Amino acid sequence: MIGAPISGGHYNPNLSLSFHLAGDRTAPNLTKYQVMILGGAFAAQALAHLLTGTAGPSLMSATTAAGWAKICAGEFLGSFLSVMVVMYVALISGPLGGIAAPVLVGLGFFASIATFSGLSGSALNPAVAFGFYAVGRLTNAPKSQLTALFYYVAAELAGAALAGLATLKIRERLGAIKKA
């Protein structure tokens, strides 16, 4: 990963939050990371809009097909599963995780997307949801997308927070970190 030596490779606010909650303090300023990630998501979506002339998928397209409960369940469970795989590889597994990390992380995200895309569209990343929302607002999408953004981000961060706290407990039990 190109940015790993600079930022730890945190391109997903879910991962930054989970690493922070799991006791890994390599991200010195969680808030700064979150703002920069969201800024990058907006820039990427804006560039895609300029190059293609379309705003990309709408958050509301998934909400018309499914209710909020299904969307929240899909984003929560998908975020938990995909983030838990990353946490296992990065903080729990030891040397084996380094060898198999790309395959395990890819399979974790594939499983999350394949399993939950029918429920929510599987954004699984607050930056993705924010990028779609921000560019949609630039292209006069309905204001009701703000509600959709809230549900997506809340469910995704809740799943990530649970993965971070679960990782913290696992690491404590394994003796990887000491309780304060």
C-alpha atoms as a PDB file:
ATOM      1  CA  MET A   1       0.000   0.000   0.000  1.00  0.00           C
ATOM      2  CA  ILE A   2       1.448   3.304  -1.075  1.00  0.00           C
ATOM      3  CA  GLY A   3       0.187   5.353   1.882  1.00  0.00           C
ATOM      4  CA  ALA A   4       0.944   2.802   4.588  1.00  0.00           C
ATOM      5  CA  PRO A   5       4.345   4.278   5.571  1.00  0.00           C
ATOM      6  CA  ILE A   6       2.803   7.767   5.801  1.00  0.00           C
ATOM      7  CA  SER A   7      -0.601   7.204   7.383  1.00  0.00           C
ATOM      8  CA  GLY A   8      -0.754   3.543   8.250  1.00  0.00           C
ATOM      9  CA  GLY A   9      -2.888   2.961   5.163  1.00  0.00           C
ATOM     10  CA  HIS A  10      -6.098   4.124   6.805  1.00  0.00           C
ATOM     11  CA  TYR A  11      -8.296   4.840   3.775  1.00  0.00           C
ATOM     12  CA  ASN A  12     -11.523   3.896   5.488  1.00  0.00           C
ATOM     13  CA  PRO A  13     -12.876   5.761   8.543  1.00  0.00           C
ATOM     14  CA  ASN A  14     -14.139   2.402   9.807  1.00  0.00           C
ATOM     15  CA  LEU A  15     -10.582   1.093  10.021  1.00  0.00           C
ATOM     16  CA  SER A  16      -9.216   4.209  11.717  1.00  0.00           C
ATOM     17  CA  LEU A  17     -11.949   4.026  14.361  1.00  0.00           C
ATOM     18  CA  SER A  18     -11.460   0.284  14.885  1.00  0.00           C
ATOM     19  CA  PHE A  19      -7.684   0.516  15.230  1.00  0.00           C
ATOM     20  CA  HIS A  20      -8.127   3.360  17.723  1.00  0.00           C
ATOM     21  CA  LEU A  21     -10.680   1.419  19.809  1.00  0.00           C
ATOM     22  CA  ALA A  22      -8.539  -1.742  19.669  1.00  0.00           C
ATOM     23  CA  GLY A  23      -5.700   0.074  21.408  1.00  0.00           C
ATOM     24  CA  ASP A  24      -3.506   0.687  18.367  1.00  0.00           C
ATOM     25  CA  ARG A  25      -2.467   4.322  18.569  1.00  0.00           C
ATOM     26  CA  THR A  26      -0.536   4.543  15.299  1.00  0.00           C
ATOM     27  CA  ALA A  27      -3.064   7.118  14.107  1.00  0.00           C
ATOM     28  CA  PRO A  28      -1.947  10.113  16.168  1.00  0.00           C
ATOM     29  CA  ASN A  29      -5.013  12.224  15.433  1.00  0.00           C
ATOM     30  CA  LEU A  30      -8.171  10.242  14.705  1.00  0.00           C
ATOM     31  CA  THR A  31     -10.237  13.342  13.886  1.00  0.00           C
ATOM     32  CA  LYS A  32      -7.654  14.604  11.379  1.00  0.00           C
ATOM     33  CA  TYR A  33      -7.594  11.184   9.691  1.00  0.00           C
ATOM     34  CA  GLN A  34     -11.387  11.125   9.417  1.00  0.00           C
ATOM     35  CA  VAL A  35     -11.547  14.623   7.896  1.00  0.00           C
ATOM     36  CA  MET A  36      -8.776  13.871   5.390  1.00  0.00           C
ATOM     37  CA  ILE A  37     -10.382  10.581   4.348  1.00  0.00           C
ATOM     38  CA  LEU A  38     -13.738  12.288   3.771  1.00  0.00           C
ATOM     39  CA  GLY A  39     -12.012  15.068   1.812  1.00  0.00           C
ATOM     40  CA  GLY A  40     -10.341  12.457  -0.374  1.00  0.00           C
ATOM     41  CA  ALA A  41     -13.672  10.701  -0.927  1.00  0.00           C
ATOM     42  CA  PHE A  42     -15.273  13.955  -2.030  1.00  0.00           C
ATOM     43  CA  ALA A  43     -12.367  14.751  -4.361  1.00  0.00           C
ATOM     44  CA  ALA A  44     -12.493  11.269  -5.914  1.00  0.00           C
ATOM     45  CA  GLN A  45     -16.243  11.428  -6.485  1.00  0.00           C
ATOM     46  CA  ALA A  46     -16.013  14.973  -7.876  1.00  0.00           C
ATOM     47  CA  LEU A  47     -13.263  13.877 -10.293  1.00  0.00           C
ATOM     48  CA  ALA A  48     -15.319  10.852 -11.361  1.00  0.00           C
ATOM     49  CA  HIS A  49     -18.272  13.182 -11.957  1.00  0.00           C
ATOM     50  CA  LEU A  50     -16.142  15.526 -14.063  1.00  0.00           C
ATOM     51  CA  LEU A  51     -14.716  12.660 -16.127  1.00  0.00           C
ATOM     52  CA  THR A  52     -17.963  10.760 -16.669  1.00  0.00           C
ATOM     53  CA  GLY A  53     -20.634  13.461 -16.407  1.00  0.00           C
ATOM     54  CA  THR A  54     -22.635  11.365 -13.957  1.00  0.00           C
ATOM     55  CA  ALA A  55     -22.920  11.594 -10.196  1.00  0.00           C
ATOM     56  CA  GLY A  56     -22.531   7.857  -9.654  1.00  0.00           C
ATOM     57  CA  PRO A  57     -24.867   5.736  -7.577  1.00  0.00           C
ATOM     58  CA  SER A  58     -27.312   7.441  -5.287  1.00  0.00           C
ATOM     59  CA  LEU A  59     -27.658   6.455  -1.661  1.00  0.00           C
ATOM     60  CA  MET A  60     -31.382   6.711  -2.172  1.00  0.00           C
ATOM     61  CA  SER A  61     -31.411   3.983  -4.846  1.00  0.00           C
ATOM     62  CA  ALA A  62     -30.844   1.349  -2.168  1.00  0.00           C
ATOM     63  CA  THR A  63     -33.405   2.879   0.179  1.00  0.00           C
ATOM     64  CA  THR A  64     -36.217   2.530  -2.336  1.00  0.00           C
ATOM     65  CA  ALA A  65     -35.581  -1.195  -2.645  1.00  0.00           C
ATOM     66  CA  ALA A  66     -35.148  -1.911   1.064  1.00  0.00           C
ATOM     67  CA  GLY A  67     -36.261  -0.371   4.328  1.00  0.00           C
ATOM     68  CA  TRP A  68     -33.957   1.420   6.725  1.00  0.00           C
ATOM     69  CA  ALA A  69     -33.740  -1.618   9.012  1.00  0.00           C
ATOM     70  CA  LYS A  70     -32.373  -3.794   6.183  1.00  0.00           C
ATOM     71  CA  ILE A  71     -29.962  -1.078   5.084  1.00  0.00           C
ATOM     72  CA  CYS A  72     -28.655  -0.590   8.610  1.00  0.00           C
ATOM     73  CA  ALA A  73     -28.354  -4.354   9.125  1.00  0.00           C
ATOM     74  CA  GLY A  74     -26.455  -4.773   5.854  1.00  0.00           C
ATOM     75  CA  GLU A  75     -24.064  -1.900   6.513  1.00  0.00           C
ATOM     76  CA  PHE A  76     -23.550  -2.837  10.193  1.00  0.00           C
ATOM     77  CA  LEU A  77     -22.900  -6.530   9.557  1.00  0.00           C
ATOM     78  CA  GLY A  78     -20.880  -5.936   6.391  1.00  0.00           C
ATOM     79  CA  SER A  79     -18.718  -3.325   8.095  1.00  0.00           C
ATOM     80  CA  PHE A  80     -18.239  -5.532  11.154  1.00  0.00           C
ATOM     81  CA  LEU A  81     -17.221  -8.557   9.070  1.00  0.00           C
ATOM     82  CA  SER A  82     -14.858  -6.738   6.719  1.00  0.00           C
ATOM     83  CA  VAL A  83     -13.239  -4.662   9.486  1.00  0.00           C
ATOM     84  CA  MET A  84     -12.912  -7.689  11.781  1.00  0.00           C
ATOM     85  CA  VAL A  85     -10.919  -9.488   9.066  1.00  0.00           C
ATOM     86  CA  VAL A  86      -8.566  -6.507   8.747  1.00  0.00           C
ATOM     87  CA  MET A  87      -8.210  -6.290  12.533  1.00  0.00           C
ATOM     88  CA  TYR A  88      -7.433 -10.003  12.759  1.00  0.00           C
ATOM     89  CA  VAL A  89      -4.797  -9.781  10.051  1.00  0.00           C
ATOM     90  CA  ALA A  90      -3.207  -6.580  11.365  1.00  0.00           C
ATOM     91  CA  LEU A  91      -3.355  -6.953  15.140  1.00  0.00           C
ATOM     92  CA  ILE A  92      -4.109 -10.536  16.147  1.00  0.00           C
ATOM     93  CA  SER A  93      -2.715 -13.131  13.732  1.00  0.00           C
ATOM     94  CA  GLY A  94       1.009 -12.426  13.978  1.00  0.00           C
ATOM     95  CA  PRO A  95       3.435 -13.421  11.194  1.00  0.00           C
ATOM     96  CA  LEU A  96       0.928 -15.624   9.330  1.00  0.00           C
ATOM     97  CA  GLY A  97      -1.324 -12.596   8.780  1.00  0.00           C
ATOM     98  CA  GLY A  98       1.500 -10.795   6.991  1.00  0.00           C
ATOM     99  CA  ILE A  99       1.917 -13.582   4.455  1.00  0.00           C
ATOM    100  CA  ALA A 100      -1.790 -14.098   3.781  1.00  0.00           C
ATOM    101  CA  ALA A 101      -2.994 -10.557   4.529  1.00  0.00           C
ATOM    102  CA  PRO A 102      -3.946  -9.455   1.000  1.00  0.00           C
ATOM    103  CA  VAL A 103      -5.899 -12.637   0.334  1.00  0.00           C
ATOM    104  CA  LEU A 104      -7.666 -12.626   3.705  1.00  0.00           C
ATOM    105  CA  VAL A 105      -8.629  -8.952   3.496  1.00  0.00           C
ATOM    106  CA  GLY A 106      -9.835  -9.338  -0.093  1.00  0.00           C
ATOM    107  CA  LEU A 107     -11.914 -12.384   0.816  1.00  0.00           C
ATOM    108  CA  GLY A 108     -13.359 -10.549   3.834  1.00  0.00           C
ATOM    109  CA  PHE A 109     -14.516  -7.632   1.724  1.00  0.00           C
ATOM    110  CA  PHE A 110     -15.761  -9.936  -1.041  1.00  0.00           C
ATOM    111  CA  ALA A 111     -17.786 -11.958   1.483  1.00  0.00           C
ATOM    112  CA  SER A 112     -19.265  -8.778   2.958  1.00  0.00           C
ATOM    113  CA  ILE A 113     -20.209  -7.339  -0.422  1.00  0.00           C
ATOM    114  CA  ALA A 114     -21.574 -10.628  -1.774  1.00  0.00           C
ATOM    115  CA  THR A 115     -23.603 -11.254   1.355  1.00  0.00           C
ATOM    116  CA  PHE A 116     -24.993  -7.805   2.099  1.00  0.00           C
ATOM    117  CA  SER A 117     -25.186  -5.962  -1.228  1.00  0.00           C
ATOM    118  CA  GLY A 118     -28.804  -7.037  -1.655  1.00  0.00           C
ATOM    119  CA  LEU A 119     -29.717  -5.353   1.612  1.00  0.00           C
ATOM    120  CA  SER A 120     -27.888  -2.055   1.377  1.00  0.00           C
ATOM    121  CA  GLY A 121     -25.724  -1.817  -1.717  1.00  0.00           C
ATOM    122  CA  SER A 122     -22.671  -2.514   0.496  1.00  0.00           C
ATOM    123  CA  ALA A 123     -20.946   0.857   0.717  1.00  0.00           C
ATOM    124  CA  LEU A 124     -19.184  -0.486   3.863  1.00  0.00           C
ATOM    125  CA  ASN A 125     -17.190   2.725   4.153  1.00  0.00           C
ATOM    126  CA  PRO A 126     -18.387   6.098   5.448  1.00  0.00           C
ATOM    127  CA  ALA A 127     -16.085   7.812   2.962  1.00  0.00           C
ATOM    128  CA  VAL A 128     -17.848   6.089   0.057  1.00  0.00           C
ATOM    129  CA  ALA A 129     -21.269   7.058   1.394  1.00  0.00           C
ATOM    130  CA  PHE A 130     -20.087  10.640   1.985  1.00  0.00           C
ATOM    131  CA  GLY A 131     -18.593  10.887  -1.510  1.00  0.00           C
ATOM    132  CA  PHE A 132     -21.840   9.773  -3.128  1.00  0.00           C
ATOM    133  CA  TYR A 133     -23.812  12.172  -0.939  1.00  0.00           C
ATOM    134  CA  ALA A 134     -21.547  15.179  -1.547  1.00  0.00           C
ATOM    135  CA  VAL A 135     -21.442  14.801  -5.319  1.00  0.00           C
ATOM    136  CA  GLY A 136     -25.165  14.056  -5.374  1.00  0.00           C
ATOM    137  CA  ARG A 137     -25.782  17.350  -3.583  1.00  0.00           C
ATOM    138  CA  LEU A 138     -23.632  19.141  -6.162  1.00  0.00           C
ATOM    139  CA  THR A 139     -25.798  17.667  -8.895  1.00  0.00           C
ATOM    140  CA  ASN A 140     -29.067  18.638  -7.180  1.00  0.00           C
ATOM    141  CA  ALA A 141     -29.944  15.245  -5.733  1.00  0.00           C
ATOM    142  CA  PRO A 142     -32.846  15.285  -3.260  1.00  0.00           C
ATOM    143  CA  LYS A 143     -32.098  16.571   0.219  1.00  0.00           C
ATOM    144  CA  SER A 144     -33.483  13.297   1.597  1.00  0.00           C
ATOM    145  CA  GLN A 145     -30.053  11.827   0.805  1.00  0.00           C
ATOM    146  CA  LEU A 146     -28.840  13.452   4.031  1.00  0.00           C
ATOM    147  CA  THR A 147     -31.091  11.056   5.947  1.00  0.00           C
ATOM    148  CA  ALA A 148     -29.693   8.155   3.944  1.00  0.00           C
ATOM    149  CA  LEU A 149     -26.138   9.344   4.655  1.00  0.00           C
ATOM    150  CA  PHE A 150     -26.871   9.395   8.394  1.00  0.00           C
ATOM    151  CA  TYR A 151     -28.189   5.825   8.393  1.00  0.00           C
ATOM    152  CA  TYR A 152     -25.334   4.499   6.283  1.00  0.00           C
ATOM    153  CA  VAL A 153     -22.579   6.177   8.299  1.00  0.00           C
ATOM    154  CA  ALA A 154     -24.124   5.398  11.699  1.00  0.00           C
ATOM    155  CA  ALA A 155     -24.517   1.705  10.846  1.00  0.00           C
ATOM    156  CA  GLU A 156     -21.039   1.450   9.317  1.00  0.00           C
ATOM    157  CA  LEU A 157     -19.298   3.151  12.250  1.00  0.00           C
ATOM    158  CA  ALA A 158     -21.282   1.066  14.751  1.00  0.00           C
ATOM    159  CA  GLY A 159     -20.139  -2.145  13.024  1.00  0.00           C
ATOM    160  CA  ALA A 160     -16.563  -0.881  12.956  1.00  0.00           C
ATOM    161  CA  ALA A 161     -16.714   0.150  16.618  1.00  0.00           C
ATOM    162  CA  LEU A 162     -17.910  -3.324  17.592  1.00  0.00           C
ATOM    163  CA  ALA A 163     -15.056  -4.872  15.587  1.00  0.00           C
ATOM    164  CA  GLY A 164     -12.547  -2.575  17.314  1.00  0.00           C
ATOM    165  CA  LEU A 165     -13.874  -3.357  20.787  1.00  0.00           C
ATOM    166  CA  ALA A 166     -13.984  -7.096  20.025  1.00  0.00           C
ATOM    167  CA  THR A 167     -10.373  -6.917  18.828  1.00  0.00           C
ATOM    168  CA  LEU A 168      -9.375  -5.098  22.022  1.00  0.00           C
ATOM    169  CA  LYS A 169     -10.909  -7.874  24.141  1.00  0.00           C
ATOM    170  CA  ILE A 170      -9.253 -10.596  22.051  1.00  0.00           C
ATOM    171  CA  ARG A 171      -5.878  -8.862  22.315  1.00  0.00           C
ATOM    172  CA  GLU A 172      -6.291  -8.481  26.091  1.00  0.00           C
ATOM    173  CA  ARG A 173      -7.066 -12.187  26.434  1.00  0.00           C
ATOM    174  CA  LEU A 174      -4.069 -13.103  24.297  1.00  0.00           C
ATOM    175  CA  GLY A 175      -1.882 -10.840  26.398  1.00  0.00           C
ATOM    176  CA  ALA A 176      -1.007  -8.639  23.406  1.00  0.00           C
ATOM    177  CA  ILE A 177      -1.831  -5.505  25.381  1.00  0.00           C
ATOM    178  CA  LYS A 178      -2.168  -4.802  29.053  1.00  0.00           C
ATOM    179  CA  LYS A 179      -5.216  -3.239  30.658  1.00  0.00           C
ATOM    180  CA  ALA A 180      -4.673   0.301  31.890  1.00  0.00           C
END
